[in-house]
Amino acid sequence: MQWTEDLSVGIKTIDDQHKELFNRINSLVDTIKDHTCKYKIGDVIKFLEDYIVEHFSLEQKIMRESGYPNYDPHRLQHEKFIQNFFELKVELEKIEAWRRPGSYDLSVATNQIVVDWILDHISMIDKQLGEFLKKRG
């Protein structure tokens, strides 16, 4: 996952959080591919859980305070991601608990649930929020 400026939503705090998320997700995917995730998975899971709470709360606060008209669909996307993440977390914790290497299937699932969703969400949904906020000043 490569951060590029075209993914910027124009809100520094959100962009900075997205950049850090990219770094952590890349670390997770690399550890699964390298079969070293059994040593690092707990830290990455904890970061993602904290990130989800902090980042989604910030975005939703900004949307509510600005009167963003697409608040409900945006929030529902966050909720769906949280559900999918916690399902993935169960599988990731099995790796950690049993100290076994990650599988190719788990790597693919992680990419689909986390990487693909984040790229799509930022490039389409979050950018709409950024455009709305820019127009409002």
C-alpha atoms as a PDB file:
ATOM      1  CA  MET A   1       0.000   0.000   0.000  1.00  0.00           C
ATOM      2  CA  GLN A   2       1.611   3.197  -1.142  1.00  0.00           C
ATOM      3  CA  TRP A   3       0.533   6.621   0.126  1.00  0.00           C
ATOM      4  CA  THR A   4       0.296   9.163  -2.664  1.00  0.00           C
ATOM      5  CA  GLU A   5      -0.847  12.754  -2.514  1.00  0.00           C
ATOM      6  CA  ASP A   6      -3.886  11.962  -4.646  1.00  0.00           C
ATOM      7  CA  LEU A   7      -5.209  10.113  -1.571  1.00  0.00           C
ATOM      8  CA  SER A   8      -5.070  13.297   0.503  1.00  0.00           C
ATOM      9  CA  VAL A   9      -8.448  14.470   1.748  1.00  0.00           C
ATOM     10  CA  GLY A  10      -7.059  17.898   2.572  1.00  0.00           C
ATOM     11  CA  ILE A  11      -7.465  17.586   6.343  1.00  0.00           C
ATOM     12  CA  LYS A  12      -4.002  17.315   7.903  1.00  0.00           C
ATOM     13  CA  THR A  13      -5.017  15.262  10.931  1.00  0.00           C
ATOM     14  CA  ILE A  14      -6.925  12.747   8.831  1.00  0.00           C
ATOM     15  CA  ASP A  15      -4.184  12.579   6.190  1.00  0.00           C
ATOM     16  CA  ASP A  16      -1.533  12.016   8.878  1.00  0.00           C
ATOM     17  CA  GLN A  17      -3.611   9.233  10.404  1.00  0.00           C
ATOM     18  CA  HIS A  18      -4.089   7.645   6.987  1.00  0.00           C
ATOM     19  CA  LYS A  19      -0.315   7.735   6.373  1.00  0.00           C
ATOM     20  CA  GLU A  20       0.378   6.007   9.682  1.00  0.00           C
ATOM     21  CA  LEU A  21      -2.303   3.452   8.899  1.00  0.00           C
ATOM     22  CA  PHE A  22      -0.589   2.696   5.579  1.00  0.00           C
ATOM     23  CA  ASN A  23       2.700   2.103   7.394  1.00  0.00           C
ATOM     24  CA  ARG A  24       1.105  -0.298   9.871  1.00  0.00           C
ATOM     25  CA  ILE A  25      -0.898  -2.195   7.275  1.00  0.00           C
ATOM     26  CA  ASN A  26       2.204  -2.623   5.139  1.00  0.00           C
ATOM     27  CA  SER A  27       3.983  -4.017   8.182  1.00  0.00           C
ATOM     28  CA  LEU A  28       1.145  -6.473   8.811  1.00  0.00           C
ATOM     29  CA  VAL A  29       0.998  -7.664   5.201  1.00  0.00           C
ATOM     30  CA  ASP A  30       4.800  -8.024   5.093  1.00  0.00           C
ATOM     31  CA  THR A  31       4.853 -10.088   8.266  1.00  0.00           C
ATOM     32  CA  ILE A  32       2.161 -12.402   6.927  1.00  0.00           C
ATOM     33  CA  LYS A  33       4.032 -12.848   3.638  1.00  0.00           C
ATOM     34  CA  ASP A  34       7.356 -13.380   5.438  1.00  0.00           C
ATOM     35  CA  HIS A  35       5.774 -15.830   7.896  1.00  0.00           C
ATOM     36  CA  THR A  36       6.994 -13.680  10.783  1.00  0.00           C
ATOM     37  CA  CYS A  37       3.595 -12.378  11.831  1.00  0.00           C
ATOM     38  CA  LYS A  38       3.461 -14.767  14.757  1.00  0.00           C
ATOM     39  CA  TYR A  39       6.022 -12.503  16.423  1.00  0.00           C
ATOM     40  CA  LYS A  40       4.453  -9.117  15.616  1.00  0.00           C
ATOM     41  CA  ILE A  41       0.752  -9.695  15.169  1.00  0.00           C
ATOM     42  CA  GLY A  42      -0.342  -8.590  18.651  1.00  0.00           C
ATOM     43  CA  ASP A  43       1.164  -5.128  18.283  1.00  0.00           C
ATOM     44  CA  VAL A  44      -0.411  -4.597  14.875  1.00  0.00           C
ATOM     45  CA  ILE A  45      -3.840  -5.780  16.053  1.00  0.00           C
ATOM     46  CA  LYS A  46      -3.694  -3.419  19.028  1.00  0.00           C
ATOM     47  CA  PHE A  47      -2.696  -0.497  16.808  1.00  0.00           C
ATOM     48  CA  LEU A  48      -5.536  -1.201  14.367  1.00  0.00           C
ATOM     49  CA  GLU A  49      -8.116  -1.459  17.140  1.00  0.00           C
ATOM     50  CA  ASP A  50      -6.964   1.843  18.646  1.00  0.00           C
ATOM     51  CA  TYR A  51      -6.770   3.414  15.206  1.00  0.00           C
ATOM     52  CA  ILE A  52     -10.298   2.381  14.286  1.00  0.00           C
ATOM     53  CA  VAL A  53     -11.711   3.940  17.433  1.00  0.00           C
ATOM     54  CA  GLU A  54      -9.670   7.141  17.215  1.00  0.00           C
ATOM     55  CA  HIS A  55      -9.819   7.731  13.475  1.00  0.00           C
ATOM     56  CA  PHE A  56     -13.439   6.834  12.840  1.00  0.00           C
ATOM     57  CA  SER A  57     -14.499   8.860  15.898  1.00  0.00           C
ATOM     58  CA  LEU A  58     -12.591  11.883  14.585  1.00  0.00           C
ATOM     59  CA  GLU A  59     -14.083  11.598  11.097  1.00  0.00           C
ATOM     60  CA  GLN A  60     -17.584  11.160  12.473  1.00  0.00           C
ATOM     61  CA  LYS A  61     -17.182  14.138  14.802  1.00  0.00           C
ATOM     62  CA  ILE A  62     -16.037  16.300  11.889  1.00  0.00           C
ATOM     63  CA  MET A  63     -18.972  15.108   9.791  1.00  0.00           C
ATOM     64  CA  ARG A  64     -21.519  15.829  12.535  1.00  0.00           C
ATOM     65  CA  GLU A  65     -20.088  19.249  13.372  1.00  0.00           C
ATOM     66  CA  SER A  66     -19.946  20.316   9.726  1.00  0.00           C
ATOM     67  CA  GLY A  67     -23.433  19.084   8.888  1.00  0.00           C
ATOM     68  CA  TYR A  68     -22.048  16.661   6.320  1.00  0.00           C
ATOM     69  CA  PRO A  69     -25.045  15.383   4.308  1.00  0.00           C
ATOM     70  CA  ASN A  70     -23.568  11.888   3.722  1.00  0.00           C
ATOM     71  CA  TYR A  71     -22.888  11.220   7.395  1.00  0.00           C
ATOM     72  CA  ASP A  72     -25.093   8.122   7.727  1.00  0.00           C
ATOM     73  CA  PRO A  73     -23.747   6.188   4.703  1.00  0.00           C
ATOM     74  CA  HIS A  74     -20.167   7.095   5.677  1.00  0.00           C
ATOM     75  CA  ARG A  75     -20.724   5.955   9.271  1.00  0.00           C
ATOM     76  CA  LEU A  76     -22.289   2.709   8.039  1.00  0.00           C
ATOM     77  CA  GLN A  77     -19.172   1.999   5.991  1.00  0.00           C
ATOM     78  CA  HIS A  78     -17.098   2.461   9.145  1.00  0.00           C
ATOM     79  CA  GLU A  79     -19.347   0.027  11.008  1.00  0.00           C
ATOM     80  CA  LYS A  80     -19.062  -2.588   8.251  1.00  0.00           C
ATOM     81  CA  PHE A  81     -15.274  -2.270   8.292  1.00  0.00           C
ATOM     82  CA  ILE A  82     -15.229  -2.703  12.072  1.00  0.00           C
ATOM     83  CA  GLN A  83     -17.288  -5.890  11.743  1.00  0.00           C
ATOM     84  CA  ASN A  84     -14.989  -7.268   9.038  1.00  0.00           C
ATOM     85  CA  PHE A  85     -11.880  -6.285  10.982  1.00  0.00           C
ATOM     86  CA  PHE A  86     -13.014  -8.096  14.114  1.00  0.00           C
ATOM     87  CA  GLU A  87     -13.708 -11.224  12.083  1.00  0.00           C
ATOM     88  CA  LEU A  88     -10.188 -10.977  10.659  1.00  0.00           C
ATOM     89  CA  LYS A  89      -8.809 -10.300  14.135  1.00  0.00           C
ATOM     90  CA  VAL A  90     -10.062 -13.703  15.313  1.00  0.00           C
ATOM     91  CA  GLU A  91      -8.018 -15.388  12.573  1.00  0.00           C
ATOM     92  CA  LEU A  92      -4.961 -13.229  13.254  1.00  0.00           C
ATOM     93  CA  GLU A  93      -5.118 -13.989  16.970  1.00  0.00           C
ATOM     94  CA  LYS A  94      -5.135 -17.716  16.201  1.00  0.00           C
ATOM     95  CA  ILE A  95      -1.755 -17.233  14.557  1.00  0.00           C
ATOM     96  CA  GLU A  96      -0.460 -15.399  17.585  1.00  0.00           C
ATOM     97  CA  ALA A  97      -1.939 -17.852  20.097  1.00  0.00           C
ATOM     98  CA  TRP A  98      -0.510 -20.895  18.363  1.00  0.00           C
ATOM     99  CA  ARG A  99       2.701 -19.204  17.223  1.00  0.00           C
ATOM    100  CA  ARG A 100       2.212 -20.506  13.740  1.00  0.00           C
ATOM    101  CA  PRO A 101       3.061 -18.788  10.460  1.00  0.00           C
ATOM    102  CA  GLY A 102       0.456 -16.946   8.430  1.00  0.00           C
ATOM    103  CA  SER A 103      -1.003 -18.550   5.357  1.00  0.00           C
ATOM    104  CA  TYR A 104      -1.408 -17.317   1.824  1.00  0.00           C
ATOM    105  CA  ASP A 105      -5.198 -17.324   2.313  1.00  0.00           C
ATOM    106  CA  LEU A 106      -4.838 -15.132   5.381  1.00  0.00           C
ATOM    107  CA  SER A 107      -2.634 -12.745   3.436  1.00  0.00           C
ATOM    108  CA  VAL A 108      -5.286 -12.495   0.719  1.00  0.00           C
ATOM    109  CA  ALA A 109      -8.056 -12.005   3.280  1.00  0.00           C
ATOM    110  CA  THR A 110      -6.062  -9.278   5.026  1.00  0.00           C
ATOM    111  CA  ASN A 111      -5.532  -7.513   1.733  1.00  0.00           C
ATOM    112  CA  GLN A 112      -9.213  -7.707   0.851  1.00  0.00           C
ATOM    113  CA  ILE A 113     -10.579  -6.727   4.234  1.00  0.00           C
ATOM    114  CA  VAL A 114      -8.063  -4.080   5.181  1.00  0.00           C
ATOM    115  CA  VAL A 115      -6.009  -2.868   2.236  1.00  0.00           C
ATOM    116  CA  ASP A 116      -8.639  -2.851  -0.503  1.00  0.00           C
ATOM    117  CA  TRP A 117     -11.287  -1.373   1.766  1.00  0.00           C
ATOM    118  CA  ILE A 118      -9.022   1.391   3.014  1.00  0.00           C
ATOM    119  CA  LEU A 119      -7.850   2.372  -0.457  1.00  0.00           C
ATOM    120  CA  ASP A 120     -11.417   2.439  -1.780  1.00  0.00           C
ATOM    121  CA  HIS A 121     -12.753   4.234   1.288  1.00  0.00           C
ATOM    122  CA  ILE A 122     -10.092   6.941   1.273  1.00  0.00           C
ATOM    123  CA  SER A 123     -10.047   7.487  -2.482  1.00  0.00           C
ATOM    124  CA  MET A 124     -13.817   7.743  -2.791  1.00  0.00           C
ATOM    125  CA  ILE A 125     -15.662   8.279   0.490  1.00  0.00           C
ATOM    126  CA  ASP A 126     -13.142  10.275   2.543  1.00  0.00           C
ATOM    127  CA  LYS A 127     -12.268  12.447  -0.438  1.00  0.00           C
ATOM    128  CA  GLN A 128     -15.945  13.398  -0.749  1.00  0.00           C
ATOM    129  CA  LEU A 129     -15.826  14.565   2.858  1.00  0.00           C
ATOM    130  CA  GLY A 130     -12.663  16.545   2.120  1.00  0.00           C
ATOM    131  CA  GLU A 131     -14.274  18.223  -0.879  1.00  0.00           C
ATOM    132  CA  PHE A 132     -17.342  19.111   1.186  1.00  0.00           C
ATOM    133  CA  LEU A 133     -15.180  20.651   3.913  1.00  0.00           C
ATOM    134  CA  LYS A 134     -13.092  22.629   1.391  1.00  0.00           C
ATOM    135  CA  LYS A 135     -16.255  24.132  -0.101  1.00  0.00           C
ATOM    136  CA  ARG A 136     -17.440  25.124   3.364  1.00  0.00           C
ATOM    137  CA  GLY A 137     -14.120  26.826   4.073  1.00  0.00           C
END
